[in-house]
Protein backbone atom coordinates (compact mmCIF):
# COMPACT_ATOMS: atom_id res chain seq x y z
CA MET A 1 61.79 230.15 -27.64
CA THR A 2 60.31 229.44 -24.20
CA GLN A 3 56.55 229.78 -23.99
CA ARG A 4 54.80 230.45 -20.69
CA LEU A 5 51.26 229.99 -19.51
CA PRO A 6 49.30 233.05 -18.43
CA GLU A 7 49.53 233.86 -14.73
CA THR A 8 45.80 233.17 -14.40
CA ALA A 9 45.96 229.60 -15.66
CA GLY A 10 43.73 227.27 -13.67
CA SER A 11 41.75 224.10 -13.94
CA VAL A 12 39.30 225.64 -16.40
CA SER A 13 41.66 227.58 -18.66
CA VAL A 14 44.53 225.09 -19.07
CA PRO A 15 44.77 224.13 -22.76
CA ILE A 16 44.03 220.47 -23.40
CA LEU A 17 47.23 220.28 -25.45
CA ILE A 18 49.37 220.42 -22.28
CA PRO A 19 48.16 217.17 -20.67
CA ALA A 20 48.07 215.64 -24.16
CA LEU A 21 51.79 216.31 -24.65
CA LEU A 22 52.61 214.96 -21.19
CA ILE A 23 50.59 211.85 -21.93
CA MET A 24 52.50 211.31 -25.17
CA ALA A 25 55.85 211.62 -23.36
CA SER A 26 54.72 209.18 -20.65
CA ALA A 27 53.35 206.70 -23.16
CA VAL A 28 56.65 206.58 -25.03
CA SER A 29 58.54 206.17 -21.76
CA ILE A 30 56.28 203.25 -20.80
CA LEU A 31 56.82 201.66 -24.20
CA SER A 32 60.55 201.46 -23.44
CA THR A 33 59.64 198.80 -20.88
CA ASP A 34 56.62 197.08 -22.44
CA LEU A 35 57.49 196.98 -26.12
CA TYR A 36 60.36 194.49 -25.82
CA THR A 37 58.97 192.22 -23.07
CA PRO A 38 57.88 189.46 -25.52
CA SER A 39 61.53 189.27 -26.59
CA LEU A 40 62.85 188.65 -23.06
CA PRO A 41 62.79 184.82 -23.11
CA HIS A 42 64.43 184.80 -26.57
CA LEU A 43 67.30 187.10 -25.56
CA GLN A 44 68.80 184.21 -23.60
CA GLY A 45 69.60 182.48 -26.90
CA VAL A 46 70.56 185.67 -28.75
CA PHE A 47 73.23 186.60 -26.19
CA HIS A 48 73.99 183.06 -24.90
CA THR A 49 73.10 183.99 -21.34
CA ASP A 50 70.59 183.05 -18.64
CA ALA A 51 67.20 184.41 -17.62
CA GLY A 52 68.61 186.28 -14.61
CA ARG A 53 70.94 188.43 -16.73
CA VAL A 54 68.19 189.13 -19.24
CA GLN A 55 65.86 190.21 -16.44
CA LEU A 56 68.55 192.61 -15.22
CA THR A 57 67.80 194.72 -18.30
CA MET A 58 64.49 195.46 -16.57
CA THR A 59 65.72 195.70 -12.96
CA LEU A 60 68.66 198.06 -13.51
CA ASN A 61 66.62 200.22 -15.88
CA LEU A 62 64.10 200.79 -13.09
CA VAL A 63 66.79 201.50 -10.49
CA ALA A 64 68.33 204.14 -12.76
CA TYR A 65 64.86 205.54 -13.52
CA ALA A 66 64.20 205.90 -9.79
CA LEU A 67 67.49 207.46 -8.70
CA ALA A 68 67.76 210.03 -11.48
CA GLN A 69 64.40 211.54 -10.58
CA LEU A 70 65.81 212.75 -7.27
CA PHE A 71 68.00 215.09 -9.32
CA TYR A 72 65.52 216.02 -12.05
CA GLY A 73 62.94 217.34 -9.57
CA PRO A 74 65.13 220.05 -8.03
CA LEU A 75 66.70 220.72 -11.45
CA SER A 76 63.24 221.47 -12.85
CA ASP A 77 62.66 223.82 -9.90
CA ARG A 78 65.88 225.62 -10.83
CA ILE A 79 65.77 225.88 -14.64
CA GLY A 80 62.16 225.06 -15.49
CA ARG A 81 60.02 222.11 -16.49
CA ARG A 82 60.34 222.47 -20.27
CA PRO A 83 64.18 222.35 -20.66
CA VAL A 84 64.47 219.38 -18.29
CA LEU A 85 61.85 217.44 -20.24
CA LEU A 86 63.45 218.23 -23.60
CA ALA A 87 66.96 217.29 -22.44
CA GLY A 88 65.71 214.06 -20.91
CA MET A 89 63.83 213.02 -24.04
CA ILE A 90 66.86 213.71 -26.26
CA GLY A 91 69.02 211.50 -24.03
CA PHE A 92 66.26 208.89 -24.10
CA ALA A 93 66.41 208.80 -27.91
CA VAL A 94 70.18 208.30 -27.86
CA ALA A 95 69.90 205.49 -25.29
CA SER A 96 67.21 203.74 -27.35
CA MET A 97 69.49 203.75 -30.39
CA GLY A 98 72.15 202.19 -28.16
CA CYS A 99 69.73 199.40 -27.21
CA ALA A 100 69.04 198.67 -30.87
CA ALA A 101 72.78 198.49 -31.60
CA ALA A 102 73.71 196.33 -28.57
CA GLY A 103 76.03 193.44 -29.43
CA SER A 104 76.12 191.75 -26.03
CA ILE A 105 73.94 191.41 -22.95
CA GLU A 106 76.34 193.74 -21.11
CA SER A 107 75.96 196.50 -23.68
CA LEU A 108 72.18 196.07 -23.69
CA ILE A 109 72.11 196.37 -19.89
CA ALA A 110 74.25 199.53 -20.09
CA ALA A 111 71.99 201.08 -22.72
CA ARG A 112 68.92 200.19 -20.66
CA VAL A 113 70.47 201.92 -17.63
CA LEU A 114 71.00 205.04 -19.77
CA GLN A 115 67.36 204.78 -20.88
CA GLY A 116 66.28 204.81 -17.26
CA LEU A 117 68.50 207.77 -16.40
CA THR A 118 66.96 209.89 -19.15
CA ALA A 119 63.38 208.68 -19.66
CA CYS A 120 62.45 209.51 -16.07
CA ALA A 121 62.51 213.27 -16.70
CA GLU A 122 58.95 213.08 -18.05
CA ALA A 123 57.64 211.55 -14.82
CA VAL A 124 58.92 214.38 -12.64
CA VAL A 125 57.83 217.12 -15.02
CA GLY A 126 54.42 215.57 -15.65
CA TYR A 127 53.47 215.33 -11.97
CA ALA A 128 54.75 218.83 -11.20
CA VAL A 129 52.98 220.51 -14.14
CA ILE A 130 49.63 218.82 -13.46
CA ARG A 131 49.62 219.55 -9.75
CA GLU A 132 50.69 223.17 -10.28
CA LEU A 133 47.92 223.89 -12.76
CA TYR A 134 44.91 222.09 -11.23
CA ASP A 135 43.06 222.01 -7.91
CA GLU A 136 42.54 218.63 -6.19
CA ALA A 137 39.38 217.60 -8.06
CA GLY A 138 40.82 218.81 -11.36
CA ALA A 139 44.13 217.05 -10.75
CA VAL A 140 42.36 213.78 -9.88
CA ARG A 141 40.37 213.99 -13.12
CA VAL A 142 43.46 214.78 -15.18
CA LEU A 143 45.50 212.00 -13.57
CA ALA A 144 42.66 209.56 -14.14
CA ALA A 145 42.45 210.60 -17.80
CA TYR A 146 46.24 210.47 -17.89
CA GLY A 147 46.11 206.91 -16.58
CA MET A 148 43.47 205.88 -19.10
CA ALA A 149 45.41 207.32 -22.01
CA ILE A 150 48.84 205.99 -21.09
CA ALA A 151 47.26 202.60 -20.36
CA LEU A 152 46.99 202.24 -24.11
CA ALA A 153 50.78 202.11 -24.35
CA PRO A 154 51.33 199.02 -22.16
CA ALA A 155 48.21 197.42 -23.66
CA VAL A 156 49.40 197.88 -27.22
CA GLY A 157 53.15 197.64 -26.54
CA PRO A 158 53.53 193.88 -25.95
CA VAL A 159 51.11 193.11 -28.80
CA VAL A 160 53.09 195.25 -31.25
CA GLY A 161 56.39 194.11 -29.72
CA GLY A 162 55.54 190.44 -30.11
CA HIS A 163 54.69 190.82 -33.77
CA MET A 164 57.73 193.05 -34.40
CA HIS A 165 59.93 190.39 -32.82
CA VAL A 166 58.48 187.64 -35.03
CA TRP A 167 58.54 189.71 -38.23
CA PHE A 168 61.71 191.83 -37.91
CA GLY A 169 63.67 190.67 -34.85
CA TRP A 170 64.07 192.07 -31.35
CA ARG A 171 66.11 195.14 -32.43
CA SER A 172 63.18 196.49 -34.44
CA ASN A 173 61.33 197.34 -31.22
CA PHE A 174 64.03 199.77 -30.14
CA ILE A 175 64.25 201.28 -33.63
CA LEU A 176 60.50 201.92 -33.57
CA LEU A 177 60.80 203.39 -30.08
CA THR A 178 63.53 205.80 -31.21
CA GLY A 179 61.34 207.12 -34.02
CA LEU A 180 58.46 207.73 -31.60
CA ILE A 181 60.72 209.57 -29.16
CA VAL A 182 61.99 211.90 -31.91
CA LEU A 183 58.39 212.75 -32.82
CA VAL A 184 57.57 213.57 -29.19
CA ILE A 185 60.67 215.74 -28.88
CA LEU A 186 59.61 217.82 -31.89
CA LEU A 187 56.07 218.28 -30.54
CA ILE A 188 57.26 219.25 -27.05
CA TRP A 189 59.76 221.74 -28.47
CA ARG A 190 57.06 223.33 -30.58
CA PHE A 191 54.04 223.34 -28.27
CA LEU A 192 54.83 222.79 -24.57
CA PRO A 193 55.00 226.07 -22.60
CA GLU A 194 57.00 226.67 -19.45
CA THR A 195 54.71 226.31 -16.42
CA LEU A 196 57.17 227.19 -13.63
CA LYS A 197 56.40 230.80 -12.75
CA GLN A 198 59.33 231.52 -10.46
CA PRO A 199 62.58 229.51 -10.73
CA ASP A 200 64.18 228.63 -7.42
CA ARG A 201 67.82 229.66 -7.72
CA GLY A 202 68.84 227.71 -4.64
CA ALA A 203 67.08 224.49 -5.56
CA LEU A 204 70.31 222.62 -6.42
CA ARG A 205 72.27 223.58 -3.32
CA PRO A 206 73.31 220.32 -1.61
CA ARG A 207 72.04 221.42 1.80
CA ARG A 208 68.69 222.42 0.34
CA LEU A 209 68.41 219.11 -1.53
CA LEU A 210 69.20 217.10 1.58
CA ARG A 211 66.85 219.14 3.77
CA GLY A 212 63.98 218.85 1.27
CA TYR A 213 64.27 215.08 0.93
CA LEU A 214 64.76 214.55 4.67
CA THR A 215 61.60 216.60 5.27
CA LEU A 216 59.67 214.29 2.96
CA LEU A 217 61.18 211.12 4.44
CA ARG A 218 60.05 212.23 7.90
CA ASP A 219 56.59 213.14 6.62
CA GLY A 220 54.47 210.12 7.60
CA PRO A 221 51.32 210.87 5.54
CA PHE A 222 53.29 211.80 2.40
CA MET A 223 55.47 208.70 2.71
CA THR A 224 52.43 206.49 3.27
CA TYR A 225 50.85 207.50 -0.03
CA THR A 226 54.19 207.28 -1.82
CA LEU A 227 55.12 203.86 -0.42
CA ILE A 228 51.69 202.47 -1.27
CA MET A 229 52.39 203.44 -4.89
CA SER A 230 55.83 201.85 -4.57
CA LEU A 231 54.45 198.56 -3.33
CA VAL A 232 51.75 198.11 -5.95
CA LEU A 233 54.12 199.20 -8.72
CA GLY A 234 56.54 196.56 -7.47
CA GLY A 235 53.75 194.06 -8.11
CA LEU A 236 53.13 195.39 -11.60
CA PHE A 237 56.78 195.18 -12.62
CA ALA A 238 56.99 191.69 -11.15
CA ILE A 239 54.21 190.81 -13.62
CA LEU A 240 56.07 192.53 -16.46
CA THR A 241 59.30 190.69 -15.72
CA ALA A 242 57.99 187.23 -14.86
CA PHE A 243 54.94 186.76 -17.08
CA PRO A 244 56.78 186.50 -20.42
CA PHE A 245 58.72 183.53 -19.02
CA VAL A 246 55.66 182.00 -17.31
CA PHE A 247 53.37 182.39 -20.32
CA ILE A 248 55.79 181.79 -23.22
CA GLU A 249 58.14 179.19 -21.70
CA ARG A 250 56.02 177.41 -19.08
CA LEU A 251 52.49 177.68 -20.55
CA ALA A 252 53.58 177.56 -24.24
CA VAL A 253 51.82 180.78 -25.30
CA PRO A 254 53.14 181.89 -28.74
CA THR A 255 55.36 184.98 -28.54
CA GLU A 256 53.10 187.06 -30.80
CA GLN A 257 50.05 186.19 -28.66
CA TYR A 258 51.49 186.96 -25.22
CA GLY A 259 50.71 190.67 -25.54
CA TYR A 260 46.97 190.04 -25.69
CA TYR A 261 46.95 188.51 -22.20
CA TYR A 262 48.90 191.43 -20.77
CA ALA A 263 46.65 193.86 -22.63
CA ALA A 264 43.65 192.51 -20.69
CA ILE A 265 45.34 193.52 -17.41
CA VAL A 266 46.02 196.98 -18.77
CA VAL A 267 42.40 197.34 -19.89
CA ALA A 268 41.42 196.65 -16.27
CA PHE A 269 43.80 199.43 -15.22
CA PHE A 270 42.10 201.67 -17.78
CA LEU A 271 38.70 200.87 -16.27
CA GLY A 272 39.94 201.69 -12.77
CA SER A 273 41.17 205.08 -13.99
CA LEU A 274 37.85 205.61 -15.79
CA VAL A 275 35.91 205.01 -12.57
CA VAL A 276 37.96 207.65 -10.75
CA ASN A 277 37.57 210.10 -13.61
CA ARG A 278 33.78 209.70 -13.48
CA VAL A 279 33.33 209.98 -9.71
CA ALA A 280 36.00 212.59 -8.84
CA GLY A 281 34.33 215.43 -6.98
CA ARG A 282 31.52 213.17 -5.71
CA PHE A 283 33.75 210.82 -3.73
CA ALA A 284 36.86 211.72 -1.74
CA SER A 285 40.20 210.36 -2.93
CA ASP A 286 40.92 208.18 0.11
CA PRO A 287 37.91 205.81 -0.13
CA LEU A 288 38.76 205.25 -3.80
CA LEU A 289 42.36 204.53 -2.83
CA MET A 290 41.25 202.00 -0.22
CA ALA A 291 39.02 200.28 -2.77
CA GLY A 292 42.02 200.06 -5.09
CA LEU A 293 44.15 198.39 -2.43
CA GLY A 294 41.35 195.89 -1.82
CA ALA A 295 41.18 195.02 -5.52
CA CYS A 296 44.98 194.58 -5.69
CA LEU A 297 44.80 192.22 -2.71
CA LEU A 298 42.05 190.18 -4.41
CA GLY A 299 44.29 189.83 -7.45
CA GLY A 300 47.22 188.54 -5.40
CA LEU A 301 45.14 186.14 -3.33
CA GLY A 302 43.22 184.86 -6.36
CA PHE A 303 46.48 184.12 -8.17
CA THR A 304 47.84 182.27 -5.12
CA ILE A 305 44.67 180.15 -4.84
CA LEU A 306 44.97 179.18 -8.52
CA LEU A 307 48.52 177.94 -7.97
CA LEU A 308 47.64 176.07 -4.78
CA SER A 309 44.80 174.28 -6.55
CA GLY A 310 46.85 173.52 -9.68
CA LEU A 311 44.30 175.26 -11.91
CA GLU A 312 46.57 177.85 -13.49
CA THR A 313 46.03 178.53 -17.19
CA PRO A 314 46.84 181.70 -19.17
CA VAL A 315 43.18 182.79 -19.12
CA ARG A 316 42.65 182.13 -15.41
CA ILE A 317 45.88 183.82 -14.39
CA THR A 318 44.98 186.85 -16.50
CA ALA A 319 41.50 186.99 -14.94
CA THR A 320 42.93 187.22 -11.42
CA GLN A 321 45.37 189.92 -12.50
CA CYS A 322 42.56 192.03 -13.95
CA PHE A 323 41.55 192.65 -10.31
CA PHE A 324 45.10 193.80 -9.62
CA GLY A 325 45.12 196.04 -12.71
CA PHE A 326 41.76 197.61 -11.78
CA GLY A 327 43.00 198.38 -8.28
CA LEU A 328 46.20 199.84 -9.68
CA GLY A 329 44.14 202.28 -11.75
CA LEU A 330 42.34 203.49 -8.62
CA VAL A 331 45.55 203.86 -6.62
CA PHE A 332 47.53 205.75 -9.25
CA ALA A 333 44.74 208.26 -9.91
CA THR A 334 44.37 209.16 -6.23
CA ALA A 335 47.59 208.55 -4.25
CA PRO A 336 49.76 211.16 -6.09
CA VAL A 337 47.19 213.91 -5.58
CA ARG A 338 46.84 213.19 -1.87
CA ALA A 339 50.63 212.96 -1.50
CA PHE A 340 51.03 216.42 -3.04
CA ASP A 341 48.26 217.77 -0.84
CA VAL A 342 49.83 216.68 2.44
CA CYS A 343 53.55 217.14 1.64
CA ARG A 344 55.67 219.67 3.53
CA ALA A 345 58.25 220.31 0.81
CA GLY A 346 58.22 221.99 -2.61
CA HIS A 347 56.50 220.45 -5.62
CA GLY A 348 59.81 219.68 -7.35
CA HIS A 349 61.06 217.63 -4.41
CA ALA A 350 57.67 215.97 -3.99
CA ALA A 351 57.39 215.15 -7.70
CA ALA A 352 60.89 213.66 -7.67
CA MET A 353 60.13 211.50 -4.64
CA LEU A 354 56.76 210.46 -6.10
CA GLY A 355 58.58 209.33 -9.22
CA ALA A 356 61.67 207.84 -7.59
CA LEU A 357 60.25 205.69 -4.81
CA PRO A 358 57.53 203.96 -6.89
CA MET A 359 60.07 203.16 -9.61
CA ALA A 360 62.46 201.91 -6.92
CA GLY A 361 59.58 199.72 -5.77
CA GLY A 362 59.23 198.50 -9.34
CA GLY A 363 62.93 197.73 -9.41
CA LEU A 364 62.68 195.82 -6.14
CA GLY A 365 59.77 193.81 -7.56
CA THR A 366 61.81 192.79 -10.61
CA PHE A 367 64.85 192.05 -8.45
CA CYS A 368 62.76 189.66 -6.34
CA VAL A 369 61.67 187.93 -9.56
CA VAL A 370 65.32 187.60 -10.62
CA LEU A 371 66.32 186.37 -7.16
CA TRP A 372 63.51 183.83 -6.83
CA HIS A 373 63.23 182.81 -10.50
CA ASP A 374 62.54 179.07 -10.77
CA GLY A 375 60.49 178.93 -13.96
CA SER A 376 57.20 178.82 -12.04
CA ALA A 377 54.60 181.49 -11.28
CA TRP A 378 55.08 181.26 -7.51
CA PRO A 379 57.54 184.17 -7.15
CA VAL A 380 55.23 186.69 -8.81
CA ALA A 381 52.19 185.39 -6.90
CA MET A 382 54.02 185.86 -3.61
CA ILE A 383 55.17 189.35 -4.56
CA LEU A 384 51.67 190.46 -5.60
CA THR A 385 50.08 189.19 -2.38
CA LEU A 386 52.75 190.59 -0.07
CA THR A 387 52.83 194.04 -1.66
CA ALA A 388 49.05 194.43 -1.48
CA LEU A 389 48.97 193.23 2.14
CA MET A 390 51.78 195.57 3.17
CA GLY A 391 50.21 198.58 1.43
CA THR A 392 46.83 197.96 3.05
CA ALA A 393 48.34 197.44 6.51
CA MET A 394 50.42 200.63 6.24
CA TYR A 395 47.40 202.67 5.17
CA LEU A 396 45.23 201.40 8.02
CA VAL A 397 47.91 201.85 10.68
CA ILE A 398 49.11 205.37 9.74
CA ARG A 399 45.67 206.65 8.62
CA PRO A 400 46.94 209.48 6.38
CA TRP A 401 43.37 210.46 5.42
CA ARG A 402 43.14 212.40 8.71
CA VAL A 403 45.62 215.01 7.40
CA ARG A 404 44.01 218.00 5.70
CA ALA A 405 45.26 219.32 2.36
CA GLY A 406 47.71 222.19 2.33
CA ARG A 407 49.11 221.60 5.80
CA GLY A 408 52.49 222.89 6.86
């Protein structure tokens, strides 16, 4: 049975259960990346392979996650948000079981690609539902709360994953993930209503798809906000991919303790989202976004200075990356809302692009780590600094804040 929200739904009357369900789906999707990261250095020995091939389980997952969203957005415009989310989560559960059963690095990579192809449905649906139901101030508050809540997943994930690896082996992380996905599927099927009021029967026509995406690609302000998200997310996934090797192999941090260092960065992200949640409505989105870019740049430069001076330790590295995490919280609570406000295409296309390009940026960040991997922290420090510099320069040159909401 498909439930629908009342036609009068707005920022005040939207049931709290709706963002709660979307948060749960996003948290589980994030866990598919974070939960097994403490196992990454050990998978070299398990599958008798090298670090580059192990890191491909992250890179190719993100590439698949990015590309599939370009299809899920228009599909959700055509058949609705709810069925797309349910189908994606069911496929996600199957892929996670495949990861747990993998007998070679090749089969694990293939299962991780399938995870990316299916888990990304929640990203498209989540953005579209939130922006359709809330005005700008309401959407900023919800996305900030969304960021705070789903920050718990990457904070807890590596901690739980490290202990699961030590106690039960690396496969146990994917078994746990499968159980969580099944629970989310049942809750979504029972409680999530359909929020798309009028399906677009032509949304999947190839010409329409191409025209919609070309419109967005030519839309300078929309692309500026989206590419800023892509750049900083590239930095985050560089951290995710490189830090287990830097901390566990190079700095001799025990596997079960690595997650606590990463959790500190996520707590900083949580605090950035909390700041936006508290000040939304009193401050415009763009100044908060600029502050976030500045904090990300401080994180990259601070990390680089540590390496140049030879003072890197797990605690000091983590301290510099807390600046990056805080800035990331500011950016991801504000940039999506502004991108929706200035876009010239439908919400399905915009949601797909907002999901696809940042995840492609994440994939590029991990690919650079794979390409430049030398066992040191220099590759990730360079990536963090460059992405923050490029995002700041793009924002200042194009000046998307001049564009009013609801244009075109």
